[in-house]
Amino acid sequence: MYSMDQRAEWDDIVQSFTDHDVYYFSGYVKAFQLHGDGEPLLFYYNGNGIRGINVVMKRDIEKDKNFSGKIPNSTYYDFATPYGYGGWLTEGSGNVKALMDEYTAWCARNGIICEFVRFHPLLKNHINMAGAYEIVPLGEVVHMDLAEPDMIWSNLTSKNRNVIRKAVKNGVTIKKNCSVEMLEVFRGLYNKTMDKDNAADYYYFNRDFYQSIAEDFSDHAQVFYAQIPDDTIIAAAIIIFANDKMYYHLSGSMKEYSSLAATNLLLYEAAVWGSKNGYRTFYLGGGVGSGEDSLFKFKRAFFRGELNRFHIGKRIYMQDQYDKLLAIRAGEIRQNDFFPKYRG
């Protein structure tokens, strides 16, 4: 197990995996540690013909407002995949049972009640973990094929191509910059977008979060932004990338300029940039709550091909303690499909 005090070793291990991904790097999870999501940990297993890594956020359950003062602190925890995707990434021909036996025993010894996993839709790492977690399929997600710039354009719907042409005709231009100053501009745009969408408090990130991206993760992140001729920035998105794959991470735009379709042009230009710089996939994600809503339809307009499906995983390591936490919340739980249920 590796902590944030061992970031160099952490990242060396991640990069030793052929299919390593941006979500596993220490610089990515550091920003979410600053956001209050928990303590990041990297688990590394090597034996019995198989290697594996798993990145988790370790959360002290007593710090949850529903359990404060009701259970001992620094005693019981749960794990969750960092914002985005993760889960065990394995390579080798060995069976995952030995890996999971050791991991399960460690969790039980160290007060880990349960674990919630958002498996990676492109890596499809849920398949190898079918016997280890309760796996639940959710909605479809969209990615763009960046193999050739011409392919990017041909995979857009005709309506999407038309609005991109309109954006260009109206003088919208796309630039990129990952400075602290640019991220502060992005923060303003993003927060206004969250206000418009009545987003939960969780989705508002403070300056430390963005500063961490600029200082700890700038090799894997860029802010692409859209300007109009008077230099007003009307849309922006943080794009993250590593090992042939790009991701549409966070975005914001000015509602009063929505008719210019700046975000459509921004994503197209980001995809072309990615293709020219050796990236082969641009992941856009799905709809809110994995539904086929307007956000999903917007993203779907960027790729006509076959889609992947998003899967989550659930695992309880200490059933007795899990049940005791449920008993403490008896009659208070509002989201019965939430996991862990005691946080619902």
Protein backbone atom coordinates (compact mmCIF):
# COMPACT_ATOMS: atom_id res chain seq x y z
CA MET A 1 0.00 0.00 0.00
CA TYR A 2 1.25 3.49 -0.91
CA SER A 3 0.20 6.88 0.45
CA MET A 4 0.64 10.43 -0.82
CA ASP A 5 3.96 10.56 1.03
CA GLN A 6 5.28 8.12 -1.60
CA ARG A 7 4.10 9.83 -4.77
CA ALA A 8 7.18 9.03 -6.87
CA GLU A 9 6.94 5.31 -6.13
CA TRP A 10 3.16 5.45 -6.58
CA ASP A 11 3.41 6.92 -10.09
CA ASP A 12 6.24 4.59 -11.11
CA ILE A 13 4.07 1.59 -10.24
CA VAL A 14 1.08 2.99 -12.13
CA GLN A 15 3.17 3.64 -15.25
CA SER A 16 4.55 0.11 -15.15
CA PHE A 17 1.09 -1.16 -16.20
CA THR A 18 0.52 -1.29 -19.95
CA ASP A 19 -3.08 -0.07 -19.65
CA HIS A 20 -2.43 2.53 -16.94
CA ASP A 21 -4.82 5.44 -16.90
CA VAL A 22 -4.96 9.08 -15.82
CA TYR A 23 -7.32 8.36 -12.90
CA TYR A 24 -4.69 6.24 -11.13
CA PHE A 25 -1.99 8.92 -10.81
CA SER A 26 -1.22 10.54 -7.46
CA GLY A 27 -1.47 14.03 -8.96
CA TYR A 28 -5.04 13.36 -10.02
CA VAL A 29 -6.25 12.20 -6.62
CA LYS A 30 -4.38 14.89 -4.68
CA ALA A 31 -6.87 17.54 -5.85
CA PHE A 32 -9.76 15.43 -4.55
CA GLN A 33 -7.99 14.90 -1.23
CA LEU A 34 -7.89 18.70 -0.91
CA HIS A 35 -11.59 18.70 -1.79
CA GLY A 36 -12.27 16.56 1.28
CA ASP A 37 -12.95 13.22 -0.41
CA GLY A 38 -10.71 11.23 1.91
CA GLU A 39 -7.17 9.87 2.08
CA PRO A 40 -5.89 8.52 -1.26
CA LEU A 41 -4.22 5.10 -1.20
CA LEU A 42 -2.69 2.95 -3.91
CA PHE A 43 -2.82 -0.82 -3.41
CA TYR A 44 -0.31 -2.86 -5.38
CA TYR A 45 -0.30 -6.65 -5.65
CA ASN A 46 2.30 -8.79 -7.39
CA GLY A 47 2.21 -12.57 -7.09
CA ASN A 48 0.67 -15.83 -8.28
CA GLY A 49 1.03 -14.83 -11.92
CA ILE A 50 -0.91 -11.59 -11.62
CA ARG A 51 -0.20 -7.91 -10.90
CA GLY A 52 -2.81 -5.40 -9.86
CA ILE A 53 -3.35 -1.81 -8.73
CA ASN A 54 -6.34 -0.16 -7.10
CA VAL A 55 -6.67 3.49 -6.05
CA VAL A 56 -9.19 4.35 -3.33
CA MET A 57 -10.26 7.24 -1.15
CA LYS A 58 -10.25 6.10 2.48
CA ARG A 59 -13.03 7.83 4.43
CA ASP A 60 -13.38 7.90 8.23
CA ILE A 61 -17.06 7.07 8.77
CA GLU A 62 -17.19 8.95 12.10
CA LYS A 63 -16.58 12.18 10.16
CA ASP A 64 -19.92 11.77 8.40
CA LYS A 65 -22.47 14.04 10.09
CA ASN A 66 -24.79 11.07 10.65
CA PHE A 67 -22.18 9.22 12.73
CA SER A 68 -20.25 12.01 14.43
CA GLY A 69 -19.93 11.14 18.11
CA LYS A 70 -21.87 7.89 17.66
CA ILE A 71 -18.94 5.64 16.76
CA PRO A 72 -15.21 5.87 17.58
CA ASN A 73 -13.17 8.05 15.25
CA SER A 74 -10.18 6.68 13.31
CA THR A 75 -11.59 3.17 13.71
CA TYR A 76 -14.06 2.39 10.92
CA TYR A 77 -13.67 3.41 7.27
CA ASP A 78 -15.06 2.82 3.84
CA PHE A 79 -13.41 2.97 0.44
CA ALA A 80 -14.67 4.67 -2.71
CA THR A 81 -13.18 5.10 -6.16
CA PRO A 82 -11.88 8.65 -6.61
CA TYR A 83 -14.12 10.97 -8.65
CA GLY A 84 -14.12 9.45 -12.12
CA TYR A 85 -13.23 5.81 -12.70
CA GLY A 86 -10.96 3.15 -11.28
CA GLY A 87 -11.18 -0.25 -9.66
CA TRP A 88 -8.61 -3.02 -9.78
CA LEU A 89 -6.51 -2.91 -12.94
CA THR A 90 -4.77 -6.24 -13.46
CA GLU A 91 -2.35 -7.85 -15.88
CA GLY A 92 -1.04 -11.37 -16.11
CA SER A 93 -2.58 -14.80 -16.55
CA GLY A 94 -3.03 -15.61 -12.87
CA ASN A 95 -6.37 -15.86 -11.09
CA VAL A 96 -7.63 -12.79 -9.24
CA LYS A 97 -8.69 -14.92 -6.25
CA ALA A 98 -5.30 -14.76 -4.53
CA LEU A 99 -5.19 -11.00 -5.01
CA MET A 100 -8.70 -10.50 -3.63
CA ASP A 101 -8.16 -12.91 -0.72
CA GLU A 102 -5.18 -10.86 0.45
CA TYR A 103 -6.94 -7.55 -0.16
CA THR A 104 -10.10 -8.68 1.65
CA ALA A 105 -8.13 -9.84 4.67
CA TRP A 106 -6.28 -6.50 4.80
CA CYS A 107 -9.56 -4.57 4.67
CA ALA A 108 -11.12 -6.61 7.47
CA ARG A 109 -8.00 -6.18 9.66
CA ASN A 110 -7.92 -2.44 9.13
CA GLY A 111 -11.54 -1.50 9.79
CA ILE A 112 -12.66 -1.14 6.16
CA ILE A 113 -16.40 -1.77 6.28
CA CYS A 114 -17.07 -1.77 2.54
CA GLU A 115 -15.98 -0.49 -0.86
CA PHE A 116 -17.80 1.26 -3.71
CA VAL A 117 -16.19 1.05 -7.16
CA ARG A 118 -16.81 2.94 -10.40
CA PHE A 119 -15.19 0.61 -12.93
CA HIS A 120 -13.52 2.05 -16.00
CA PRO A 121 -15.82 1.82 -19.06
CA LEU A 122 -12.96 1.81 -21.58
CA LEU A 123 -10.67 -0.59 -19.73
CA LYS A 124 -13.65 -2.83 -18.90
CA ASN A 125 -11.92 -3.95 -15.72
CA HIS A 126 -15.25 -5.02 -14.20
CA ILE A 127 -15.00 -8.23 -16.23
CA ASN A 128 -12.00 -9.54 -14.31
CA MET A 129 -13.66 -8.67 -10.99
CA ALA A 130 -16.99 -10.39 -11.63
CA GLY A 131 -16.47 -12.87 -8.80
CA ALA A 132 -15.06 -10.36 -6.34
CA TYR A 133 -17.70 -7.60 -6.30
CA GLU A 134 -21.41 -7.31 -6.80
CA ILE A 135 -21.34 -5.67 -10.22
CA VAL A 136 -24.21 -3.53 -11.49
CA PRO A 137 -24.46 -2.32 -15.11
CA LEU A 138 -25.65 1.26 -15.54
CA GLY A 139 -25.98 3.55 -18.58
CA GLU A 140 -24.07 3.80 -21.82
CA VAL A 141 -21.20 6.26 -22.18
CA VAL A 142 -19.73 8.04 -25.19
CA HIS A 143 -16.16 8.14 -26.46
CA MET A 144 -14.67 9.54 -29.68
CA ASP A 145 -12.29 7.60 -31.93
CA LEU A 146 -9.23 9.80 -32.56
CA ALA A 147 -7.32 7.43 -34.85
CA GLU A 148 -7.53 9.94 -37.75
CA PRO A 149 -8.61 13.61 -37.74
CA ASP A 150 -10.92 12.95 -40.72
CA MET A 151 -12.59 10.15 -38.77
CA ILE A 152 -13.42 12.58 -35.95
CA TRP A 153 -15.39 14.79 -38.36
CA SER A 154 -17.15 11.90 -40.11
CA ASN A 155 -18.31 10.46 -36.78
CA LEU A 156 -20.17 13.66 -35.86
CA THR A 157 -23.87 13.87 -36.59
CA SER A 158 -24.79 16.21 -39.44
CA LYS A 159 -26.51 18.58 -36.99
CA ASN A 160 -23.37 18.73 -34.86
CA ARG A 161 -21.22 19.50 -37.89
CA ASN A 162 -23.58 22.32 -38.81
CA VAL A 163 -23.43 24.00 -35.40
CA ILE A 164 -19.63 23.67 -35.34
CA ARG A 165 -19.49 25.42 -38.73
CA LYS A 166 -21.79 28.10 -37.29
CA ALA A 167 -19.47 28.63 -34.31
CA VAL A 168 -16.49 29.11 -36.63
CA LYS A 169 -18.49 31.47 -38.85
CA ASN A 170 -19.37 33.57 -35.78
CA GLY A 171 -15.71 34.02 -34.90
CA VAL A 172 -15.44 31.55 -32.02
CA THR A 173 -11.84 30.41 -31.56
CA ILE A 174 -10.38 27.69 -29.31
CA LYS A 175 -7.20 28.08 -27.27
CA LYS A 176 -5.59 26.16 -24.41
CA ASN A 177 -3.73 27.05 -21.22
CA CYS A 178 -3.31 25.35 -17.84
CA SER A 179 -1.98 28.23 -15.75
CA VAL A 180 -3.28 29.08 -12.28
CA GLU A 181 -4.77 32.25 -13.77
CA MET A 182 -6.63 30.33 -16.48
CA LEU A 183 -7.95 27.84 -13.96
CA GLU A 184 -9.31 30.75 -11.91
CA VAL A 185 -11.15 32.00 -15.01
CA PHE A 186 -12.42 28.47 -15.52
CA ARG A 187 -13.60 28.30 -11.89
CA GLY A 188 -15.82 31.35 -12.42
CA LEU A 189 -17.40 29.90 -15.56
CA TYR A 190 -17.82 26.48 -14.01
CA ASN A 191 -19.42 27.77 -10.79
CA LYS A 192 -21.97 29.80 -12.76
CA THR A 193 -22.82 26.67 -14.71
CA MET A 194 -23.28 24.74 -11.47
CA ASP A 195 -25.54 27.55 -10.18
CA LYS A 196 -27.66 27.29 -13.32
CA ASP A 197 -27.92 23.51 -12.91
CA ASN A 198 -28.74 23.72 -9.15
CA ALA A 199 -25.80 21.43 -8.48
CA ALA A 200 -25.07 19.94 -5.06
CA ASP A 201 -22.42 21.60 -2.89
CA TYR A 202 -19.98 18.78 -3.65
CA TYR A 203 -19.56 19.99 -7.25
CA TYR A 204 -18.13 23.37 -6.21
CA PHE A 205 -14.34 23.11 -5.96
CA ASN A 206 -12.19 25.67 -4.11
CA ARG A 207 -9.05 27.44 -5.28
CA ASP A 208 -6.76 24.83 -3.69
CA PHE A 209 -8.34 22.16 -5.88
CA TYR A 210 -7.57 24.09 -9.07
CA GLN A 211 -4.13 25.14 -7.89
CA SER A 212 -3.31 21.47 -7.36
CA ILE A 213 -4.23 20.74 -10.98
CA ALA A 214 -1.88 23.51 -12.14
CA GLU A 215 0.99 22.52 -9.85
CA ASP A 216 0.67 18.74 -9.43
CA PHE A 217 -1.01 17.58 -12.63
CA SER A 218 -0.19 20.03 -15.41
CA ASP A 219 1.54 17.29 -17.46
CA HIS A 220 -1.83 15.55 -17.74
CA ALA A 221 -4.29 18.45 -17.97
CA GLN A 222 -5.21 21.39 -20.19
CA VAL A 223 -7.93 24.02 -20.09
CA PHE A 224 -9.40 24.38 -23.57
CA TYR A 225 -11.42 27.59 -23.83
CA ALA A 226 -13.60 29.34 -26.40
CA GLN A 227 -13.31 33.05 -27.15
CA ILE A 228 -15.38 35.40 -29.29
CA PRO A 229 -13.80 38.29 -31.27
CA ASP A 230 -13.95 40.75 -28.34
CA ASP A 231 -11.82 38.22 -26.34
CA THR A 232 -14.65 37.24 -23.99
CA ILE A 233 -14.20 33.64 -22.84
CA ILE A 234 -17.64 32.05 -23.22
CA ALA A 235 -16.88 28.34 -22.57
CA ALA A 236 -14.08 26.24 -21.14
CA ALA A 237 -13.32 22.65 -20.24
CA ILE A 238 -10.61 20.86 -18.28
CA ILE A 239 -9.37 17.97 -20.41
CA ILE A 240 -7.18 15.34 -18.76
CA PHE A 241 -5.08 12.75 -20.55
CA ALA A 242 -2.56 9.94 -20.28
CA ASN A 243 -1.51 6.82 -22.17
CA ASP A 244 -3.45 7.36 -25.43
CA LYS A 245 -6.70 8.42 -23.74
CA MET A 246 -8.26 11.86 -23.15
CA TYR A 247 -11.19 12.71 -20.87
CA TYR A 248 -13.75 15.50 -20.75
CA HIS A 249 -13.33 16.26 -17.04
CA LEU A 250 -15.13 19.48 -15.99
CA SER A 251 -16.72 22.22 -18.10
CA GLY A 252 -18.54 25.51 -17.89
CA SER A 253 -20.11 28.00 -20.29
CA MET A 254 -21.97 31.31 -20.40
CA LYS A 255 -25.68 30.71 -20.90
CA GLU A 256 -26.20 33.96 -22.82
CA TYR A 257 -23.89 32.70 -25.60
CA SER A 258 -25.31 29.18 -25.85
CA SER A 259 -26.57 29.81 -29.41
CA LEU A 260 -22.95 30.00 -30.61
CA ALA A 261 -22.36 26.30 -29.78
CA ALA A 262 -18.89 27.08 -28.42
CA THR A 263 -18.67 23.82 -26.45
CA ASN A 264 -19.36 21.81 -29.61
CA LEU A 265 -16.44 23.51 -31.35
CA LEU A 266 -14.27 23.20 -28.24
CA LEU A 267 -14.73 19.42 -28.00
CA TYR A 268 -14.13 18.98 -31.71
CA GLU A 269 -10.93 21.05 -31.63
CA ALA A 270 -9.74 19.24 -28.47
CA ALA A 271 -10.31 15.92 -30.25
CA VAL A 272 -8.30 17.06 -33.29
CA TRP A 273 -5.50 18.26 -30.99
CA GLY A 274 -5.53 14.90 -29.25
CA SER A 275 -5.37 12.97 -32.52
CA LYS A 276 -2.39 15.03 -33.69
CA ASN A 277 -0.62 14.44 -30.38
CA GLY A 278 -0.93 10.68 -30.32
CA TYR A 279 -4.15 10.17 -28.36
CA ARG A 280 -6.53 7.58 -29.69
CA THR A 281 -9.67 7.93 -27.58
CA PHE A 282 -11.52 10.96 -26.21
CA TYR A 283 -13.95 9.95 -23.48
CA LEU A 284 -16.98 12.22 -23.04
CA GLY A 285 -19.03 10.22 -20.52
CA GLY A 286 -22.77 9.79 -20.21
CA GLY A 287 -25.84 11.53 -18.90
CA VAL A 288 -26.68 12.65 -15.38
CA GLY A 289 -27.15 9.57 -13.21
CA SER A 290 -26.31 7.40 -16.23
CA GLY A 291 -29.58 8.40 -17.89
CA GLU A 292 -30.19 9.09 -21.58
CA ASP A 293 -30.98 12.75 -20.96
CA SER A 294 -30.15 15.93 -22.88
CA LEU A 295 -26.51 15.77 -21.72
CA PHE A 296 -26.18 12.23 -23.02
CA LYS A 297 -27.75 13.24 -26.37
CA PHE A 298 -25.32 16.17 -26.65
CA LYS A 299 -22.36 13.83 -26.16
CA ARG A 300 -23.83 11.16 -28.43
CA ALA A 301 -23.75 13.67 -31.30
CA PHE A 302 -19.94 13.37 -31.31
CA PHE A 303 -19.72 9.66 -32.11
CA ARG A 304 -21.91 7.45 -34.29
CA GLY A 305 -20.22 4.18 -33.37
CA GLU A 306 -20.79 1.51 -30.74
CA LEU A 307 -20.92 2.65 -27.12
CA ASN A 308 -19.57 1.14 -23.89
CA ARG A 309 -21.49 0.63 -20.68
CA PHE A 310 -20.58 1.92 -17.23
CA HIS A 311 -20.50 -0.55 -14.30
CA ILE A 312 -20.27 -0.07 -10.56
CA GLY A 313 -19.12 -2.54 -7.94
CA LYS A 314 -20.05 -3.14 -4.30
CA ARG A 315 -18.26 -5.19 -1.66
CA ILE A 316 -18.88 -5.51 2.10
CA TYR A 317 -15.84 -6.61 4.14
CA MET A 318 -17.29 -6.36 7.68
CA GLN A 319 -20.95 -7.34 7.53
CA ASP A 320 -21.60 -7.11 11.29
CA GLN A 321 -20.28 -3.57 11.49
CA TYR A 322 -22.14 -2.63 8.30
CA ASP A 323 -25.39 -3.81 9.92
CA LYS A 324 -24.63 -1.83 13.10
CA LEU A 325 -24.18 1.33 11.06
CA LEU A 326 -27.51 0.67 9.37
CA ALA A 327 -29.12 0.29 12.80
CA ILE A 328 -27.77 3.70 13.88
CA ARG A 329 -29.49 5.24 10.84
CA ALA A 330 -32.74 3.28 11.29
CA GLY A 331 -35.65 5.30 9.93
CA GLU A 332 -33.38 8.06 8.53
CA ILE A 333 -32.13 6.57 5.25
CA ARG A 334 -33.67 8.35 2.26
CA GLN A 335 -31.82 6.82 -0.72
CA ASN A 336 -32.39 3.09 -0.51
CA ASP A 337 -30.40 2.37 -3.69
CA PHE A 338 -27.33 4.20 -2.41
CA PHE A 339 -24.17 2.33 -1.46
CA PRO A 340 -23.07 2.13 1.21
CA LYS A 341 -26.67 2.22 2.33
CA TYR A 342 -25.77 3.73 5.73
CA ARG A 343 -24.64 6.90 3.92
CA GLY A 344 -27.93 7.22 2.00
